[in-house]
PDB file of N, CA and C in Angstrom:
ATOM      1  N   GLU A   1     111.356 150.560  62.578  1.00  0.00           N
ATOM      2  CA  GLU A   1     112.219 150.111  63.650  1.00  0.00           C
ATOM      3  C   GLU A   1     111.649 150.601  64.973  1.00  0.00           C
ATOM      4  N   ILE A   2     111.817 149.794  66.004  1.00  0.00           N
ATOM      5  CA  ILE A   2     111.308 150.127  67.331  1.00  0.00           C
ATOM      6  C   ILE A   2     112.489 150.384  68.261  1.00  0.00           C
ATOM      7  N   VAL A   3     112.397 151.458  69.029  1.00  0.00           N
ATOM      8  CA  VAL A   3     113.397 151.780  70.043  1.00  0.00           C
ATOM      9  C   VAL A   3     112.658 151.963  71.357  1.00  0.00           C
ATOM     10  N   CYS A   4     113.095 151.245  72.382  1.00  0.00           N
ATOM     11  CA  CYS A   4     112.494 151.363  73.717  1.00  0.00           C
ATOM     12  C   CYS A   4     113.317 152.348  74.541  1.00  0.00           C
ATOM     13  N   VAL A   5     112.706 152.887  75.568  1.00  0.00           N
ATOM     14  CA  VAL A   5     113.424 153.790  76.465  1.00  0.00           C
ATOM     15  C   VAL A   5     113.036 153.469  77.902  1.00  0.00           C
ATOM     16  N   SER A   6     114.031 153.482  78.792  1.00  0.00           N
ATOM     17  CA  SER A   6     113.760 153.305  80.222  1.00  0.00           C
ATOM     18  C   SER A   6     114.352 154.501  80.963  1.00  0.00           C
ATOM     19  N   ILE A   7     113.669 154.918  82.009  1.00  0.00           N
ATOM     20  CA  ILE A   7     114.117 156.043  82.819  1.00  0.00           C
ATOM     21  C   ILE A   7     114.225 155.558  84.255  1.00  0.00           C
ATOM     22  N   ALA A   8     115.386 155.706  84.852  1.00  0.00           N
ATOM     23  CA  ALA A   8     115.618 155.287  86.235  1.00  0.00           C
ATOM     24  C   ALA A   8     115.972 156.514  87.068  1.00  0.00           C
ATOM     25  N   GLY A   9     115.455 156.571  88.279  1.00  0.00           N
ATOM     26  CA  GLY A   9     115.777 157.660  89.192  1.00  0.00           C
ATOM     27  C   GLY A   9     114.774 158.782  89.233  1.00  0.00           C
ATOM     28  N   SER A  10     113.728 158.713  88.436  1.00  0.00           N
ATOM     29  CA  SER A  10     112.760 159.814  88.406  1.00  0.00           C
ATOM     30  C   SER A  10     111.958 159.919  89.698  1.00  0.00           C
ATOM     31  N   THR A  11     111.843 158.834  90.461  1.00  0.00           N
ATOM     32  CA  THR A  11     111.106 158.916  91.724  1.00  0.00           C
ATOM     33  C   THR A  11     111.917 159.633  92.801  1.00  0.00           C
ATOM     34  N   SER A  12     113.213 159.827  92.580  1.00  0.00           N
ATOM     35  CA  SER A  12     114.054 160.542  93.542  1.00  0.00           C
ATOM     36  C   SER A  12     113.808 162.036  93.516  1.00  0.00           C
ATOM     37  N   ILE A  13     113.100 162.544  92.517  1.00  0.00           N
ATOM     38  CA  ILE A  13     112.824 163.973  92.424  1.00  0.00           C
ATOM     39  C   ILE A  13     112.054 164.444  93.658  1.00  0.00           C
ATOM     40  N   ALA A  14     111.275 163.554  94.259  1.00  0.00           N
ATOM     41  CA  ALA A  14     110.487 163.919  95.434  1.00  0.00           C
ATOM     42  C   ALA A  14     111.355 164.182  96.662  1.00  0.00           C
ATOM     43  N   ARG A  15     112.639 163.923  96.597  1.00  0.00           N
ATOM     44  CA  ARG A  15     113.528 164.116  97.752  1.00  0.00           C
ATOM     45  C   ARG A  15     114.187 165.493  97.761  1.00  0.00           C
ATOM     46  N   PHE A  16     113.531 166.485  97.226  1.00  0.00           N
ATOM     47  CA  PHE A  16     114.060 167.836  97.206  1.00  0.00           C
ATOM     48  C   PHE A  16     114.525 168.214  98.596  1.00  0.00           C
ATOM     49  N   PRO A  17     115.615 168.842  98.827  1.00  0.00           N
ATOM     50  CA  PRO A  17     116.495 169.566  97.924  1.00  0.00           C
ATOM     51  C   PRO A  17     117.657 168.745  97.372  1.00  0.00           C
ATOM     52  N   GLU A  18     117.720 167.440  97.626  1.00  0.00           N
ATOM     53  CA  GLU A  18     118.787 166.624  97.051  1.00  0.00           C
ATOM     54  C   GLU A  18     118.662 166.611  95.528  1.00  0.00           C
ATOM     55  N   ARG A  19     119.787 166.548  94.867  1.00  0.00           N
ATOM     56  CA  ARG A  19     119.775 166.485  93.403  1.00  0.00           C
ATOM     57  C   ARG A  19     119.707 165.022  92.980  1.00  0.00           C
ATOM     58  N   PRO A  20     118.648 164.653  92.300  1.00  0.00           N
ATOM     59  CA  PRO A  20     118.516 163.258  91.883  1.00  0.00           C
ATOM     60  C   PRO A  20     119.410 162.934  90.687  1.00  0.00           C
ATOM     61  N   ARG A  21     119.754 161.675  90.575  1.00  0.00           N
ATOM     62  CA  ARG A  21     120.464 161.184  89.390  1.00  0.00           C
ATOM     63  C   ARG A  21     119.452 160.439  88.554  1.00  0.00           C
ATOM     64  N   ILE A  22     119.233 160.921  87.370  1.00  0.00           N
ATOM     65  CA  ILE A  22     118.270 160.315  86.467  1.00  0.00           C
ATOM     66  C   ILE A  22     119.041 159.728  85.282  1.00  0.00           C
ATOM     67  N   ALA A  23     118.744 158.472  84.970  1.00  0.00           N
ATOM     68  CA  ALA A  23     119.394 157.807  83.842  1.00  0.00           C
ATOM     69  C   ALA A  23     118.344 157.464  82.790  1.00  0.00           C
ATOM     70  N   VAL A  24     118.630 157.829  81.558  1.00  0.00           N
ATOM     71  CA  VAL A  24     117.748 157.518  80.437  1.00  0.00           C
ATOM     72  C   VAL A  24     118.522 156.582  79.514  1.00  0.00           C
ATOM     73  N   ARG A  25     117.906 155.441  79.197  1.00  0.00           N
ATOM     74  CA  ARG A  25     118.579 154.455  78.345  1.00  0.00           C
ATOM     75  C   ARG A  25     117.673 154.096  77.177  1.00  0.00           C
ATOM     76  N   PHE A  26     118.206 154.217  75.973  1.00  0.00           N
ATOM     77  CA  PHE A  26     117.508 153.810  74.766  1.00  0.00           C
ATOM     78  C   PHE A  26     118.063 152.465  74.344  1.00  0.00           C
ATOM     79  N   PHE A  27     117.185 151.539  73.940  1.00  0.00           N
ATOM     80  CA  PHE A  27     117.663 150.223  73.517  1.00  0.00           C
ATOM     81  C   PHE A  27     116.682 149.596  72.536  1.00  0.00           C
ATOM     82  N   ARG A  28     117.193 148.681  71.748  1.00  0.00           N
ATOM     83  CA  ARG A  28     116.350 147.938  70.813  1.00  0.00           C
ATOM     84  C   ARG A  28     115.784 146.727  71.535  1.00  0.00           C
ATOM     85  N   PRO A  29     114.548 146.340  71.229  1.00  0.00           N
ATOM     86  CA  PRO A  29     113.965 145.150  71.842  1.00  0.00           C
ATOM     87  C   PRO A  29     114.785 143.905  71.490  1.00  0.00           C
ATOM     88  N   ALA A  30     114.903 142.986  72.439  1.00  0.00           N
ATOM     89  CA  ALA A  30     115.704 141.776  72.244  1.00  0.00           C
ATOM     90  C   ALA A  30     115.226 140.967  71.038  1.00  0.00           C
ATOM     91  N   ALA A  31     113.924 140.805  70.877  1.00  0.00           N
ATOM     92  CA  ALA A  31     113.385 140.015  69.769  1.00  0.00           C
ATOM     93  C   ALA A  31     113.150 140.870  68.528  1.00  0.00           C
ATOM     94  N   GLY A  32     113.509 142.118  68.578  1.00  0.00           N
ATOM     95  CA  GLY A  32     113.312 142.998  67.433  1.00  0.00           C
ATOM     96  C   GLY A  32     111.878 143.476  67.322  1.00  0.00           C
ATOM     97  N   ALA A  33     111.515 143.867  66.112  1.00  0.00           N
ATOM     98  CA  ALA A  33     110.160 144.356  65.865  1.00  0.00           C
ATOM     99  C   ALA A  33     109.162 143.200  65.927  1.00  0.00           C
ATOM    100  N   ARG A  34     108.001 143.446  65.446  1.00  0.00           N
ATOM    101  CA  ARG A  34     106.917 142.454  65.528  1.00  0.00           C
ATOM    102  C   ARG A  34     107.303 141.113  64.897  1.00  0.00           C
ATOM    103  N   VAL A  35     107.037 140.048  65.622  1.00  0.00           N
ATOM    104  CA  VAL A  35     107.318 138.693  65.173  1.00  0.00           C
ATOM    105  C   VAL A  35     106.111 138.202  64.370  1.00  0.00           C
ATOM    106  N   ASP A  36     106.342 137.345  63.380  1.00  0.00           N
ATOM    107  CA  ASP A  36     105.239 136.806  62.579  1.00  0.00           C
ATOM    108  C   ASP A  36     104.166 136.195  63.479  1.00  0.00           C
ATOM    109  N   GLY A  37     102.930 136.579  63.241  1.00  0.00           N
ATOM    110  CA  GLY A  37     101.804 136.043  63.993  1.00  0.00           C
ATOM    111  C   GLY A  37     101.562 136.736  65.329  1.00  0.00           C
ATOM    112  N   GLU A  38     102.401 137.697  65.693  1.00  0.00           N
ATOM    113  CA  GLU A  38     102.258 138.403  66.969  1.00  0.00           C
ATOM    114  C   GLU A  38     101.237 139.528  66.801  1.00  0.00           C
ATOM    115  N   SER A  39     100.257 139.564  67.689  1.00  0.00           N
ATOM    116  CA  SER A  39      99.248 140.615  67.620  1.00  0.00           C
ATOM    117  C   SER A  39      99.823 141.918  68.198  1.00  0.00           C
ATOM    118  N   PRO A  40      99.213 143.055  67.896  1.00  0.00           N
ATOM    119  CA  PRO A  40      99.670 144.315  68.480  1.00  0.00           C
ATOM    120  C   PRO A  40      99.654 144.279  70.016  1.00  0.00           C
ATOM    121  N   ALA A  41      98.664 143.622  70.598  1.00  0.00           N
ATOM    122  CA  ALA A  41      98.595 143.522  72.064  1.00  0.00           C
ATOM    123  C   ALA A  41      99.762 142.696  72.603  1.00  0.00           C
ATOM    124  N   GLU A  42     100.114 141.616  71.930  1.00  0.00           N
ATOM    125  CA  GLU A  42     101.236 140.779  72.363  1.00  0.00           C
ATOM    126  C   GLU A  42     102.557 141.536  72.223  1.00  0.00           C
ATOM    127  N   LEU A  43     102.696 142.291  71.147  1.00  0.00           N
ATOM    128  CA  LEU A  43     103.890 143.115  70.951  1.00  0.00           C
ATOM    129  C   LEU A  43     104.017 144.131  72.074  1.00  0.00           C
ATOM    130  N   SER A  44     102.930 144.811  72.393  1.00  0.00           N
ATOM    131  CA  SER A  44     102.944 145.806  73.478  1.00  0.00           C
ATOM    132  C   SER A  44     103.329 145.174  74.806  1.00  0.00           C
ATOM    133  N   ALA A  45     102.766 144.021  75.110  1.00  0.00           N
ATOM    134  CA  ALA A  45     103.066 143.335  76.373  1.00  0.00           C
ATOM    135  C   ALA A  45     104.538 142.927  76.427  1.00  0.00           C
ATOM    136  N   ARG A  46     105.063 142.442  75.318  1.00  0.00           N
ATOM    137  CA  ARG A  46     106.473 142.027  75.276  1.00  0.00           C
ATOM    138  C   ARG A  46     107.402 143.215  75.466  1.00  0.00           C
ATOM    139  N   LEU A  47     107.105 144.324  74.779  1.00  0.00           N
ATOM    140  CA  LEU A  47     107.943 145.515  74.910  1.00  0.00           C
ATOM    141  C   LEU A  47     107.883 146.089  76.322  1.00  0.00           C
ATOM    142  N   LEU A  48     106.697 146.127  76.906  1.00  0.00           N
ATOM    143  CA  LEU A  48     106.554 146.638  78.262  1.00  0.00           C
ATOM    144  C   LEU A  48     107.321 145.772  79.257  1.00  0.00           C
ATOM    145  N   ALA A  49     107.304 144.462  79.072  1.00  0.00           N
ATOM    146  CA  ALA A  49     108.058 143.558  79.961  1.00  0.00           C
ATOM    147  C   ALA A  49     109.559 143.842  79.854  1.00  0.00           C
ATOM    148  N   GLU A  50     110.056 144.081  78.653  1.00  0.00           N
ATOM    149  CA  GLU A  50     111.481 144.391  78.491  1.00  0.00           C
ATOM    150  C   GLU A  50     111.838 145.716  79.149  1.00  0.00           C
ATOM    151  N   ILE A  51     110.973 146.714  79.006  1.00  0.00           N
ATOM    152  CA  ILE A  51     111.233 148.016  79.626  1.00  0.00           C
ATOM    153  C   ILE A  51     111.226 147.883  81.140  1.00  0.00           C
ATOM    154  N   ARG A  52     110.286 147.127  81.686  1.00  0.00           N
ATOM    155  CA  ARG A  52     110.236 146.938  83.139  1.00  0.00           C
ATOM    156  C   ARG A  52     111.443 146.168  83.658  1.00  0.00           C
ATOM    157  N   ASP A  53     112.002 145.264  82.854  1.00  0.00           N
ATOM    158  CA  ASP A  53     113.228 144.566  83.260  1.00  0.00           C
ATOM    159  C   ASP A  53     114.397 145.537  83.341  1.00  0.00           C
ATOM    160  N   GLU A  54     114.417 146.525  82.466  1.00  0.00           N
ATOM    161  CA  GLU A  54     115.492 147.523  82.449  1.00  0.00           C
ATOM    162  C   GLU A  54     115.379 148.504  83.616  1.00  0.00           C
ATOM    163  N   ALA A  55     114.172 148.917  83.939  1.00  0.00           N
ATOM    164  CA  ALA A  55     113.945 149.897  85.009  1.00  0.00           C
ATOM    165  C   ALA A  55     112.707 149.472  85.785  1.00  0.00           C
ATOM    166  N   PRO A  56     112.888 148.629  86.805  1.00  0.00           N
ATOM    167  CA  PRO A  56     111.735 148.154  87.573  1.00  0.00           C
ATOM    168  C   PRO A  56     110.962 149.295  88.221  1.00  0.00           C
ATOM    169  N   ILE A  57     109.703 149.064  88.494  1.00  0.00           N
ATOM    170  CA  ILE A  57     108.855 150.061  89.131  1.00  0.00           C
ATOM    171  C   ILE A  57     109.334 150.276  90.567  1.00  0.00           C
ATOM    172  N   VAL A  58     109.523 151.543  90.947  1.00  0.00           N
ATOM    173  CA  VAL A  58     110.008 151.904  92.275  1.00  0.00           C
ATOM    174  C   VAL A  58     109.067 152.948  92.851  1.00  0.00           C
ATOM    175  N   ALA A  59     108.713 152.798  94.121  1.00  0.00           N
ATOM    176  CA  ALA A  59     107.850 153.782  94.777  1.00  0.00           C
ATOM    177  C   ALA A  59     108.613 155.088  94.978  1.00  0.00           C
ATOM    178  N   ALA A  60     107.895 156.185  94.998  1.00  0.00           N
ATOM    179  CA  ALA A  60     108.506 157.502  95.214  1.00  0.00           C
ATOM    180  C   ALA A  60     109.207 157.552  96.555  1.00  0.00           C
ATOM    181  N   GLY A  61     110.285 158.310  96.640  1.00  0.00           N
ATOM    182  CA  GLY A  61     111.106 158.373  97.847  1.00  0.00           C
ATOM    183  C   GLY A  61     110.672 159.395  98.861  1.00  0.00           C
ATOM    184  N   ARG A  62     109.400 159.652  98.989  1.00  0.00           N
ATOM    185  CA  ARG A  62     108.946 160.680  99.935  1.00  0.00           C
ATOM    186  C   ARG A  62     109.025 160.227 101.389  1.00  0.00           C
ATOM    187  N   GLY A  63     108.790 158.962 101.663  1.00  0.00           N
ATOM    188  CA  GLY A  63     108.778 158.486 103.047  1.00  0.00           C
ATOM    189  C   GLY A  63     107.497 158.917 103.745  1.00  0.00           C
ATOM    190  N   GLY A  64     107.245 158.349 104.888  1.00  0.00           N
ATOM    191  CA  GLY A  64     106.039 158.667 105.638  1.00  0.00           C
ATOM    192  C   GLY A  64     106.187 159.940 106.441  1.00  0.00           C
ATOM    193  N   PRO A  65     105.142 160.299 107.215  1.00  0.00           N
ATOM    194  CA  PRO A  65     105.217 161.497 108.046  1.00  0.00           C
ATOM    195  C   PRO A  65     106.275 161.332 109.129  1.00  0.00           C
ATOM    196  N   LYS A  66     106.957 162.422 109.452  1.00  0.00           N
ATOM    197  CA  LYS A  66     108.020 162.368 110.465  1.00  0.00           C
ATOM    198  C   LYS A  66     107.399 162.404 111.856  1.00  0.00           C
ATOM    199  N   THR A  67     107.933 161.558 112.724  1.00  0.00           N
ATOM    200  CA  THR A  67     107.481 161.533 114.118  1.00  0.00           C
ATOM    201  C   THR A  67     108.636 161.917 115.027  1.00  0.00           C
ATOM    202  N   ARG A  68     108.312 162.395 116.204  1.00  0.00           N
ATOM    203  CA  ARG A  68     109.372 162.801 117.140  1.00  0.00           C
ATOM    204  C   ARG A  68     109.633 161.755 118.153  1.00  0.00           C
TER     205      ARG A  68
END
């Protein structure tokens, strides 16, 4: 059985001293495990797409240099 995991909020850690909210979600893939005729590379691509839909890529919250 395959279980995917997504983590949201980890880029907020860079905003110290604020306390970030991090969410971890475990879920089963929509199409389940490997489909007949699906190569390992295709399975990996499908699972990665589902994980990215759950927690899109977000840039770190550091911001640029401060100006006066």
